[in-house]
């Protein structure tokens, strides 16, 4: 469950970075009152932590990942 949540957050972060790169538009900053707002900074931090968590997927055995599948 935590792996899927982390992956969803990483995808959201990737979409946001894509919009910044292609359109110079930060969706999170727009939605939550600027990049320096407390809510935006929390979202950026949670997405970053999710990305760090997803690094662990590279070091897991494929069988371990399949066993936890529901």
PDB file of N, CA and C in Angstrom:
ATOM      1  N   UNK A   1       0.827  -1.202   0.000  1.00  0.00           N
ATOM      2  CA  UNK A   1       0.000   0.000   0.000  1.00  0.00           C
ATOM      3  C   UNK A   1       0.868   1.261   0.000  1.00  0.00           C
ATOM      4  N   UNK A   2       1.906   1.258   0.834  1.00  0.00           N
ATOM      5  CA  UNK A   2       2.792   2.422   0.902  1.00  0.00           C
ATOM      6  C   UNK A   2       3.528   2.625  -0.419  1.00  0.00           C
ATOM      7  N   UNK A   3       3.886   1.519  -1.080  1.00  0.00           N
ATOM      8  CA  UNK A   3       4.561   1.615  -2.378  1.00  0.00           C
ATOM      9  C   UNK A   3       3.666   2.301  -3.411  1.00  0.00           C
ATOM     10  N   UNK A   4       2.417   1.926  -3.435  1.00  0.00           N
ATOM     11  CA  UNK A   4       1.478   2.528  -4.400  1.00  0.00           C
ATOM     12  C   UNK A   4       1.238   4.005  -4.110  1.00  0.00           C
ATOM     13  N   UNK A   5       1.092   4.347  -2.855  1.00  0.00           N
ATOM     14  CA  UNK A   5       0.906   5.744  -2.487  1.00  0.00           C
ATOM     15  C   UNK A   5       2.130   6.566  -2.888  1.00  0.00           C
ATOM     16  N   UNK A   6       3.304   6.029  -2.619  1.00  0.00           N
ATOM     17  CA  UNK A   6       4.534   6.723  -2.994  1.00  0.00           C
ATOM     18  C   UNK A   6       4.612   6.891  -4.505  1.00  0.00           C
ATOM     19  N   UNK A   7       4.238   5.867  -5.241  1.00  0.00           N
ATOM     20  CA  UNK A   7       4.275   5.942  -6.695  1.00  0.00           C
ATOM     21  C   UNK A   7       3.298   6.988  -7.221  1.00  0.00           C
ATOM     22  N   UNK A   8       2.118   7.052  -6.643  1.00  0.00           N
ATOM     23  CA  UNK A   8       1.136   8.070  -7.040  1.00  0.00           C
ATOM     24  C   UNK A   8       1.691   9.467  -6.801  1.00  0.00           C
ATOM     25  N   UNK A   9       2.315   9.678  -5.652  1.00  0.00           N
ATOM     26  CA  UNK A   9       2.881  10.985  -5.345  1.00  0.00           C
ATOM     27  C   UNK A   9       4.031  11.335  -6.282  1.00  0.00           C
ATOM     28  N   UNK A  10       4.841  10.344  -6.643  1.00  0.00           N
ATOM     29  CA  UNK A  10       5.936  10.587  -7.583  1.00  0.00           C
ATOM     30  C   UNK A  10       5.375  10.956  -8.955  1.00  0.00           C
ATOM     31  N   UNK A  11       4.306  10.313  -9.369  1.00  0.00           N
ATOM     32  CA  UNK A  11       3.678  10.651 -10.650  1.00  0.00           C
ATOM     33  C   UNK A  11       3.135  12.076 -10.620  1.00  0.00           C
ATOM     34  N   UNK A  12       2.506  12.463  -9.514  1.00  0.00           N
ATOM     35  CA  UNK A  12       2.021  13.839  -9.372  1.00  0.00           C
ATOM     36  C   UNK A  12       3.183  14.820  -9.468  1.00  0.00           C
ATOM     37  N   UNK A  13       4.285  14.496  -8.805  1.00  0.00           N
ATOM     38  CA  UNK A  13       5.466  15.351  -8.877  1.00  0.00           C
ATOM     39  C   UNK A  13       6.022  15.440 -10.287  1.00  0.00           C
ATOM     40  N   UNK A  14       6.012  14.319 -11.012  1.00  0.00           N
ATOM     41  CA  UNK A  14       6.502  14.316 -12.387  1.00  0.00           C
ATOM     42  C   UNK A  14       5.623  15.178 -13.294  1.00  0.00           C
ATOM     43  N   UNK A  15       4.324  15.102 -13.083  1.00  0.00           N
ATOM     44  CA  UNK A  15       3.412  15.943 -13.870  1.00  0.00           C
ATOM     45  C   UNK A  15       3.669  17.415 -13.567  1.00  0.00           C
ATOM     46  N   UNK A  16       3.872  17.737 -12.301  1.00  0.00           N
ATOM     47  CA  UNK A  16       4.148  19.123 -11.927  1.00  0.00           C
ATOM     48  C   UNK A  16       5.460  19.603 -12.555  1.00  0.00           C
ATOM     49  N   UNK A  17       6.512  18.777 -12.468  1.00  0.00           N
ATOM     50  CA  UNK A  17       7.796  19.154 -13.089  1.00  0.00           C
ATOM     51  C   UNK A  17       7.662  19.278 -14.594  1.00  0.00           C
ATOM     52  N   UNK A  18       6.877  18.417 -15.200  1.00  0.00           N
ATOM     53  CA  UNK A  18       6.646  18.521 -16.637  1.00  0.00           C
ATOM     54  C   UNK A  18       5.964  19.826 -17.014  1.00  0.00           C
ATOM     55  N   UNK A  19       4.994  20.226 -16.215  1.00  0.00           N
ATOM     56  CA  UNK A  19       4.313  21.494 -16.501  1.00  0.00           C
ATOM     57  C   UNK A  19       5.244  22.687 -16.298  1.00  0.00           C
ATOM     58  N   UNK A  20       6.162  22.568 -15.346  1.00  0.00           N
ATOM     59  CA  UNK A  20       7.151  23.641 -15.151  1.00  0.00           C
ATOM     60  C   UNK A  20       8.096  23.690 -16.351  1.00  0.00           C
ATOM     61  N   UNK A  21       8.574  22.530 -16.771  1.00  0.00           N
ATOM     62  CA  UNK A  21       9.519  22.487 -17.881  1.00  0.00           C
ATOM     63  C   UNK A  21       8.914  22.905 -19.215  1.00  0.00           C
ATOM     64  N   UNK A  22       7.695  22.482 -19.476  1.00  0.00           N
ATOM     65  CA  UNK A  22       7.082  22.769 -20.764  1.00  0.00           C
ATOM     66  C   UNK A  22       6.388  24.127 -20.824  1.00  0.00           C
ATOM     67  N   UNK A  23       5.744  24.507 -19.741  1.00  0.00           N
ATOM     68  CA  UNK A  23       4.898  25.699 -19.770  1.00  0.00           C
ATOM     69  C   UNK A  23       5.297  26.773 -18.757  1.00  0.00           C
ATOM     70  N   UNK A  24       6.350  26.526 -17.988  1.00  0.00           N
ATOM     71  CA  UNK A  24       6.762  27.423 -16.904  1.00  0.00           C
ATOM     72  C   UNK A  24       5.584  27.715 -15.965  1.00  0.00           C
ATOM     73  N   UNK A  25       4.840  26.645 -15.658  1.00  0.00           N
ATOM     74  CA  UNK A  25       3.658  26.761 -14.805  1.00  0.00           C
ATOM     75  C   UNK A  25       3.736  25.720 -13.701  1.00  0.00           C
ATOM     76  N   UNK A  26       3.815  26.175 -12.455  1.00  0.00           N
ATOM     77  CA  UNK A  26       3.891  25.299 -11.290  1.00  0.00           C
ATOM     78  C   UNK A  26       2.472  25.078 -10.763  1.00  0.00           C
ATOM     79  N   UNK A  27       1.942  23.888 -10.994  1.00  0.00           N
ATOM     80  CA  UNK A  27       0.563  23.566 -10.617  1.00  0.00           C
ATOM     81  C   UNK A  27       0.371  23.657  -9.104  1.00  0.00           C
ATOM     82  N   UNK A  28       1.331  23.134  -8.342  1.00  0.00           N
ATOM     83  CA  UNK A  28       1.217  23.152  -6.881  1.00  0.00           C
ATOM     84  C   UNK A  28       1.202  24.588  -6.363  1.00  0.00           C
ATOM     85  N   UNK A  29       2.119  25.403  -6.854  1.00  0.00           N
ATOM     86  CA  UNK A  29       2.170  26.805  -6.422  1.00  0.00           C
ATOM     87  C   UNK A  29       0.879  27.531  -6.797  1.00  0.00           C
ATOM     88  N   UNK A  30       0.387  27.263  -7.977  1.00  0.00           N
ATOM     89  CA  UNK A  30      -0.855  27.897  -8.428  1.00  0.00           C
ATOM     90  C   UNK A  30      -2.037  27.489  -7.543  1.00  0.00           C
ATOM     91  N   UNK A  31      -2.108  26.220  -7.212  1.00  0.00           N
ATOM     92  CA  UNK A  31      -3.249  25.697  -6.467  1.00  0.00           C
ATOM     93  C   UNK A  31      -3.234  26.082  -4.990  1.00  0.00           C
ATOM     94  N   UNK A  32      -2.031  26.307  -4.444  1.00  0.00           N
ATOM     95  CA  UNK A  32      -1.942  26.505  -2.995  1.00  0.00           C
ATOM     96  C   UNK A  32      -1.312  27.830  -2.586  1.00  0.00           C
ATOM     97  N   UNK A  33      -1.349  28.824  -3.450  1.00  0.00           N
ATOM     98  CA  UNK A  33      -0.979  30.175  -3.047  1.00  0.00           C
ATOM     99  C   UNK A  33       0.489  30.519  -3.150  1.00  0.00           C
ATOM    100  N   UNK A  34       1.198  29.940  -4.084  1.00  0.00           N
ATOM    101  CA  UNK A  34       2.602  30.280  -4.295  1.00  0.00           C
ATOM    102  C   UNK A  34       3.540  29.202  -3.793  1.00  0.00           C
ATOM    103  N   UNK A  35       4.739  29.200  -4.359  1.00  0.00           N
ATOM    104  CA  UNK A  35       5.723  28.169  -4.024  1.00  0.00           C
ATOM    105  C   UNK A  35       6.223  28.283  -2.589  1.00  0.00           C
ATOM    106  N   UNK A  36       6.150  29.467  -2.012  1.00  0.00           N
ATOM    107  CA  UNK A  36       6.661  29.667  -0.655  1.00  0.00           C
ATOM    108  C   UNK A  36       5.598  29.449   0.422  1.00  0.00           C
ATOM    109  N   UNK A  37       4.351  29.178   0.026  1.00  0.00           N
ATOM    110  CA  UNK A  37       3.307  28.974   1.031  1.00  0.00           C
ATOM    111  C   UNK A  37       3.568  27.680   1.799  1.00  0.00           C
ATOM    112  N   UNK A  38       3.072  27.621   3.001  1.00  0.00           N
ATOM    113  CA  UNK A  38       3.304  26.456   3.866  1.00  0.00           C
ATOM    114  C   UNK A  38       2.731  25.178   3.249  1.00  0.00           C
ATOM    115  N   UNK A  39       1.548  25.260   2.675  1.00  0.00           N
ATOM    116  CA  UNK A  39       0.923  24.069   2.092  1.00  0.00           C
ATOM    117  C   UNK A  39       1.737  23.567   0.903  1.00  0.00           C
ATOM    118  N   UNK A  40       2.184  24.476   0.042  1.00  0.00           N
ATOM    119  CA  UNK A  40       3.002  24.080  -1.108  1.00  0.00           C
ATOM    120  C   UNK A  40       4.293  23.420  -0.654  1.00  0.00           C
ATOM    121  N   UNK A  41       4.930  23.990   0.346  1.00  0.00           N
ATOM    122  CA  UNK A  41       6.184  23.423   0.832  1.00  0.00           C
ATOM    123  C   UNK A  41       5.971  22.041   1.433  1.00  0.00           C
ATOM    124  N   UNK A  42       4.851  21.841   2.109  1.00  0.00           N
ATOM    125  CA  UNK A  42       4.534  20.512   2.654  1.00  0.00           C
ATOM    126  C   UNK A  42       4.337  19.520   1.515  1.00  0.00           C
ATOM    127  N   UNK A  43       3.610  19.922   0.475  1.00  0.00           N
ATOM    128  CA  UNK A  43       3.379  19.036  -0.662  1.00  0.00           C
ATOM    129  C   UNK A  43       4.699  18.700  -1.348  1.00  0.00           C
ATOM    130  N   UNK A  44       5.552  19.702  -1.576  1.00  0.00           N
ATOM    131  CA  UNK A  44       6.859  19.444  -2.183  1.00  0.00           C
ATOM    132  C   UNK A  44       7.663  18.452  -1.343  1.00  0.00           C
ATOM    133  N   UNK A  45       7.617  18.611  -0.033  1.00  0.00           N
ATOM    134  CA  UNK A  45       8.373  17.728   0.865  1.00  0.00           C
ATOM    135  C   UNK A  45       7.820  16.305   0.837  1.00  0.00           C
ATOM    136  N   UNK A  46       6.499  16.158   0.862  1.00  0.00           N
ATOM    137  CA  UNK A  46       5.886  14.825   0.833  1.00  0.00           C
ATOM    138  C   UNK A  46       6.198  14.118  -0.489  1.00  0.00           C
ATOM    139  N   UNK A  47       6.152  14.854  -1.592  1.00  0.00           N
ATOM    140  CA  UNK A  47       6.483  14.261  -2.896  1.00  0.00           C
ATOM    141  C   UNK A  47       7.953  13.854  -2.926  1.00  0.00           C
ATOM    142  N   UNK A  48       8.829  14.676  -2.371  1.00  0.00           N
ATOM    143  CA  UNK A  48      10.259  14.332  -2.311  1.00  0.00           C
ATOM    144  C   UNK A  48      10.489  13.078  -1.472  1.00  0.00           C
ATOM    145  N   UNK A  49       9.826  12.968  -0.344  1.00  0.00           N
ATOM    146  CA  UNK A  49       9.953  11.772   0.492  1.00  0.00           C
ATOM    147  C   UNK A  49       9.434  10.533  -0.240  1.00  0.00           C
ATOM    148  N   UNK A  50       8.360  10.699  -1.005  1.00  0.00           N
ATOM    149  CA  UNK A  50       7.838   9.581  -1.792  1.00  0.00           C
ATOM    150  C   UNK A  50       8.856   9.143  -2.839  1.00  0.00           C
ATOM    151  N   UNK A  51       9.529  10.105  -3.457  1.00  0.00           N
ATOM    152  CA  UNK A  51      10.568   9.775  -4.424  1.00  0.00           C
ATOM    153  C   UNK A  51      11.715   9.019  -3.790  1.00  0.00           C
ATOM    154  N   UNK A  52      12.107   9.440  -2.605  1.00  0.00           N
ATOM    155  CA  UNK A  52      13.171   8.744  -1.880  1.00  0.00           C
ATOM    156  C   UNK A  52      12.722   7.325  -1.529  1.00  0.00           C
ATOM    157  N   UNK A  53      11.477   7.173  -1.119  1.00  0.00           N
ATOM    158  CA  UNK A  53      10.948   5.838  -0.806  1.00  0.00           C
ATOM    159  C   UNK A  53      10.985   4.943  -2.048  1.00  0.00           C
ATOM    160  N   UNK A  54      10.649   5.496  -3.208  1.00  0.00           N
ATOM    161  CA  UNK A  54      10.622   4.709  -4.441  1.00  0.00           C
ATOM    162  C   UNK A  54      12.005   4.219  -4.850  1.00  0.00           C
ATOM    163  N   UNK A  55      13.055   4.854  -4.376  1.00  0.00           N
ATOM    164  CA  UNK A  55      14.405   4.360  -4.637  1.00  0.00           C
ATOM    165  C   UNK A  55      14.556   2.947  -4.095  1.00  0.00           C
ATOM    166  N   UNK A  56      13.878   2.650  -2.987  1.00  0.00           N
ATOM    167  CA  UNK A  56      13.982   1.317  -2.385  1.00  0.00           C
ATOM    168  C   UNK A  56      13.448   0.226  -3.305  1.00  0.00           C
ATOM    169  N   UNK A  57      12.593   0.572  -4.255  1.00  0.00           N
ATOM    170  CA  UNK A  57      12.052  -0.423  -5.180  1.00  0.00           C
ATOM    171  C   UNK A  57      13.144  -1.041  -6.044  1.00  0.00           C
ATOM    172  N   UNK A  58      14.205  -0.293  -6.315  1.00  0.00           N
ATOM    173  CA  UNK A  58      15.316  -0.817  -7.111  1.00  0.00           C
ATOM    174  C   UNK A  58      16.080  -1.919  -6.392  1.00  0.00           C
ATOM    175  N   UNK A  59      16.035  -1.924  -5.078  1.00  0.00           N
ATOM    176  CA  UNK A  59      16.843  -2.844  -4.301  1.00  0.00           C
ATOM    177  C   UNK A  59      16.053  -4.032  -3.751  1.00  0.00           C
ATOM    178  N   UNK A  60      14.814  -4.147  -4.136  1.00  0.00           N
ATOM    179  CA  UNK A  60      13.995  -5.265  -3.689  1.00  0.00           C
ATOM    180  C   UNK A  60      13.992  -6.364  -4.737  1.00  0.00           C
ATOM    181  N   UNK A  61      13.882  -7.596  -4.264  1.00  0.00           N
ATOM    182  CA  UNK A  61      13.757  -8.716  -5.189  1.00  0.00           C
ATOM    183  C   UNK A  61      12.379  -8.673  -5.842  1.00  0.00           C
ATOM    184  N   UNK A  62      12.320  -9.064  -7.078  1.00  0.00           N
ATOM    185  CA  UNK A  62      11.041  -9.074  -7.791  1.00  0.00           C
ATOM    186  C   UNK A  62      10.040  -9.989  -7.101  1.00  0.00           C
ATOM    187  N   UNK A  63      10.495 -11.116  -6.565  1.00  0.00           N
ATOM    188  CA  UNK A  63       9.601 -12.045  -5.883  1.00  0.00           C
ATOM    189  C   UNK A  63       8.978 -11.401  -4.645  1.00  0.00           C
ATOM    190  N   UNK A  64       9.763 -10.589  -3.946  1.00  0.00           N
ATOM    191  CA  UNK A  64       9.252  -9.896  -2.759  1.00  0.00           C
ATOM    192  C   UNK A  64       8.151  -8.925  -3.147  1.00  0.00           C
ATOM    193  N   UNK A  65       8.325  -8.231  -4.243  1.00  0.00           N
ATOM    194  CA  UNK A  65       7.312  -7.281  -4.698  1.00  0.00           C
ATOM    195  C   UNK A  65       6.039  -7.997  -5.107  1.00  0.00           C
ATOM    196  N   UNK A  66       6.180  -9.155  -5.749  1.00  0.00           N
ATOM    197  CA  UNK A  66       4.997  -9.907  -6.197  1.00  0.00           C
ATOM    198  C   UNK A  66       4.263 -10.507  -5.010  1.00  0.00           C
ATOM    199  N   UNK A  67       4.972 -10.959  -3.955  1.00  0.00           N
ATOM    200  CA  UNK A  67       4.328 -11.531  -2.782  1.00  0.00           C
ATOM    201  C   UNK A  67       3.410 -10.545  -2.089  1.00  0.00           C
ATOM    202  N   UNK A  68       3.761  -9.271  -2.082  1.00  0.00           N
ATOM    203  CA  UNK A  68       2.957  -8.271  -1.395  1.00  0.00           C
ATOM    204  C   UNK A  68       1.783  -7.788  -2.233  1.00  0.00           C
ATOM    205  N   UNK A  69       1.702  -8.261  -3.462  1.00  0.00           N
ATOM    206  CA  UNK A  69       0.601  -7.848  -4.328  1.00  0.00           C
ATOM    207  C   UNK A  69      -0.702  -8.447  -3.800  1.00  0.00           C
ATOM    208  N   UNK A  70      -1.741  -7.610  -3.742  1.00  0.00           N
ATOM    209  CA  UNK A  70      -3.039  -8.080  -3.232  1.00  0.00           C
ATOM    210  C   UNK A  70      -3.874  -8.724  -4.297  1.00  0.00           C
TER     211      UNK A  70
END
